[in-house]
Amino acid sequence: FVYRLNDTVNIGGSYLHKGGLGSLTGQGARVTGFDMPAVASIGTAVRVTEKLMLTADYNRIFWSESMRTINVSQNGITMPLRQNWDDQDV
């Protein structure tokens, strides 16, 4: 969303759902459980003068919901790799 408060101030935000990449394969190996995280963002822009705009944004990346365990398989052997990532503030 984008909302114009007045002639000098805008705010905006977005939410991206987590996305599954499915199986990644190549050279006899297969990787599953590798997903892209959901991201919530909010930001603002303030026009100080005609030639100067100040901006700021904040993003919360929800790694803990997507990067838990990645399974790597090759030649009939599957190895689970625990990730257990923490969420990130940017």
C-alpha atoms as a PDB file:
ATOM      1  CA  PHE A   1       0.000   0.000   0.000  1.00  0.00           C
ATOM      2  CA  VAL A   2       0.986   3.632  -0.423  1.00  0.00           C
ATOM      3  CA  TYR A   3      -0.765   6.463   1.382  1.00  0.00           C
ATOM      4  CA  ARG A   4      -0.140  10.152   0.819  1.00  0.00           C
ATOM      5  CA  LEU A   5      -0.662  11.987   4.114  1.00  0.00           C
ATOM      6  CA  ASN A   6      -0.120  15.409   2.564  1.00  0.00           C
ATOM      7  CA  ASP A   7       2.006  17.118  -0.105  1.00  0.00           C
ATOM      8  CA  THR A   8       5.251  16.246   1.696  1.00  0.00           C
ATOM      9  CA  VAL A   9       4.714  12.922   3.518  1.00  0.00           C
ATOM     10  CA  ASN A  10       4.022   9.461   2.065  1.00  0.00           C
ATOM     11  CA  ILE A  11       3.918   6.119   3.892  1.00  0.00           C
ATOM     12  CA  GLY A  12       3.873   2.666   2.407  1.00  0.00           C
ATOM     13  CA  GLY A  13       4.049  -0.965   3.283  1.00  0.00           C
ATOM     14  CA  SER A  14       4.004  -4.437   1.832  1.00  0.00           C
ATOM     15  CA  TYR A  15       3.792  -8.087   2.798  1.00  0.00           C
ATOM     16  CA  LEU A  16       5.333 -10.871   0.735  1.00  0.00           C
ATOM     17  CA  HIS A  17       4.174 -14.411   1.504  1.00  0.00           C
ATOM     18  CA  LYS A  18       6.759 -17.116   1.953  1.00  0.00           C
ATOM     19  CA  GLY A  19       7.442 -19.117  -1.163  1.00  0.00           C
ATOM     20  CA  GLY A  20       8.404 -22.707  -1.567  1.00  0.00           C
ATOM     21  CA  LEU A  21      11.057 -23.483  -4.129  1.00  0.00           C
ATOM     22  CA  GLY A  22      10.093 -27.147  -4.396  1.00  0.00           C
ATOM     23  CA  SER A  23      12.825 -29.634  -5.190  1.00  0.00           C
ATOM     24  CA  LEU A  24      16.129 -28.346  -6.484  1.00  0.00           C
ATOM     25  CA  THR A  25      17.970 -30.955  -8.527  1.00  0.00           C
ATOM     26  CA  GLY A  26      21.264 -31.145 -10.338  1.00  0.00           C
ATOM     27  CA  GLN A  27      24.165 -33.539 -10.909  1.00  0.00           C
ATOM     28  CA  GLY A  28      22.375 -36.412  -9.173  1.00  0.00           C
ATOM     29  CA  ALA A  29      21.564 -34.431  -6.013  1.00  0.00           C
ATOM     30  CA  ARG A  30      18.180 -33.247  -4.758  1.00  0.00           C
ATOM     31  CA  VAL A  31      17.538 -30.484  -2.189  1.00  0.00           C
ATOM     32  CA  THR A  32      14.153 -29.982  -0.497  1.00  0.00           C
ATOM     33  CA  GLY A  33      12.935 -27.675   2.273  1.00  0.00           C
ATOM     34  CA  PHE A  34      14.697 -24.576   0.968  1.00  0.00           C
ATOM     35  CA  ASP A  35      12.042 -21.840   1.021  1.00  0.00           C
ATOM     36  CA  MET A  36      12.013 -18.071   0.653  1.00  0.00           C
ATOM     37  CA  PRO A  37      10.804 -16.274   3.818  1.00  0.00           C
ATOM     38  CA  ALA A  38       7.809 -13.982   4.226  1.00  0.00           C
ATOM     39  CA  VAL A  39       8.738 -10.292   4.539  1.00  0.00           C
ATOM     40  CA  ALA A  40       6.751  -7.443   6.129  1.00  0.00           C
ATOM     41  CA  SER A  41       7.881  -3.914   5.239  1.00  0.00           C
ATOM     42  CA  ILE A  42       6.893  -0.359   6.105  1.00  0.00           C
ATOM     43  CA  GLY A  43       8.468   2.919   5.081  1.00  0.00           C
ATOM     44  CA  THR A  44       8.042   6.659   4.820  1.00  0.00           C
ATOM     45  CA  ALA A  45       9.255   9.436   2.566  1.00  0.00           C
ATOM     46  CA  VAL A  46       9.307  13.119   3.552  1.00  0.00           C
ATOM     47  CA  ARG A  47       9.913  15.805   0.947  1.00  0.00           C
ATOM     48  CA  VAL A  48      11.939  18.427   2.869  1.00  0.00           C
ATOM     49  CA  THR A  49      12.572  20.705  -0.119  1.00  0.00           C
ATOM     50  CA  GLU A  50      12.032  20.418  -3.858  1.00  0.00           C
ATOM     51  CA  LYS A  51      15.476  18.804  -4.197  1.00  0.00           C
ATOM     52  CA  LEU A  52      15.685  16.891  -0.904  1.00  0.00           C
ATOM     53  CA  MET A  53      13.657  13.863   0.190  1.00  0.00           C
ATOM     54  CA  LEU A  54      14.386  11.841   3.346  1.00  0.00           C
ATOM     55  CA  THR A  55      13.322   8.203   3.447  1.00  0.00           C
ATOM     56  CA  ALA A  56      13.337   5.384   5.968  1.00  0.00           C
ATOM     57  CA  ASP A  57      12.116   1.808   5.915  1.00  0.00           C
ATOM     58  CA  TYR A  58      11.886  -1.245   8.153  1.00  0.00           C
ATOM     59  CA  ASN A  59      11.676  -4.894   7.101  1.00  0.00           C
ATOM     60  CA  ARG A  60      10.926  -7.961   9.198  1.00  0.00           C
ATOM     61  CA  ILE A  61      12.153 -11.135   7.505  1.00  0.00           C
ATOM     62  CA  PHE A  62      10.521 -14.283   8.889  1.00  0.00           C
ATOM     63  CA  TRP A  63      13.377 -16.749   8.421  1.00  0.00           C
ATOM     64  CA  SER A  64      12.216 -18.953  11.318  1.00  0.00           C
ATOM     65  CA  GLU A  65       9.102 -19.947   9.353  1.00  0.00           C
ATOM     66  CA  SER A  66      10.964 -20.980   6.212  1.00  0.00           C
ATOM     67  CA  MET A  67      14.501 -22.094   7.048  1.00  0.00           C
ATOM     68  CA  ARG A  68      14.046 -25.032   9.418  1.00  0.00           C
ATOM     69  CA  THR A  69      15.513 -28.199   7.907  1.00  0.00           C
ATOM     70  CA  ILE A  70      16.951 -28.651   4.439  1.00  0.00           C
ATOM     71  CA  ASN A  71      17.195 -32.214   3.112  1.00  0.00           C
ATOM     72  CA  VAL A  72      20.013 -33.059   0.712  1.00  0.00           C
ATOM     73  CA  SER A  73      19.703 -36.407  -1.111  1.00  0.00           C
ATOM     74  CA  GLN A  74      22.181 -38.140  -3.381  1.00  0.00           C
ATOM     75  CA  ASN A  75      22.766 -41.798  -4.294  1.00  0.00           C
ATOM     76  CA  GLY A  76      19.898 -42.939  -2.042  1.00  0.00           C
ATOM     77  CA  ILE A  77      21.246 -41.161   1.031  1.00  0.00           C
ATOM     78  CA  THR A  78      19.343 -38.244   2.574  1.00  0.00           C
ATOM     79  CA  MET A  79      21.049 -35.888   4.986  1.00  0.00           C
ATOM     80  CA  PRO A  80      18.873 -33.435   6.940  1.00  0.00           C
ATOM     81  CA  LEU A  81      20.597 -30.131   7.640  1.00  0.00           C
ATOM     82  CA  ARG A  82      18.996 -28.266  10.535  1.00  0.00           C
ATOM     83  CA  GLN A  83      18.890 -24.524   9.968  1.00  0.00           C
ATOM     84  CA  ASN A  84      16.631 -23.053  12.693  1.00  0.00           C
ATOM     85  CA  TRP A  85      17.290 -19.491  11.542  1.00  0.00           C
ATOM     86  CA  ASP A  86      16.125 -16.530  13.613  1.00  0.00           C
ATOM     87  CA  ASP A  87      13.913 -13.786  12.220  1.00  0.00           C
ATOM     88  CA  GLN A  88      15.743 -10.673  11.059  1.00  0.00           C
ATOM     89  CA  ASP A  89      15.067  -6.947  11.404  1.00  0.00           C
ATOM     90  CA  VAL A  90      16.497  -4.821   8.611  1.00  0.00           C
END
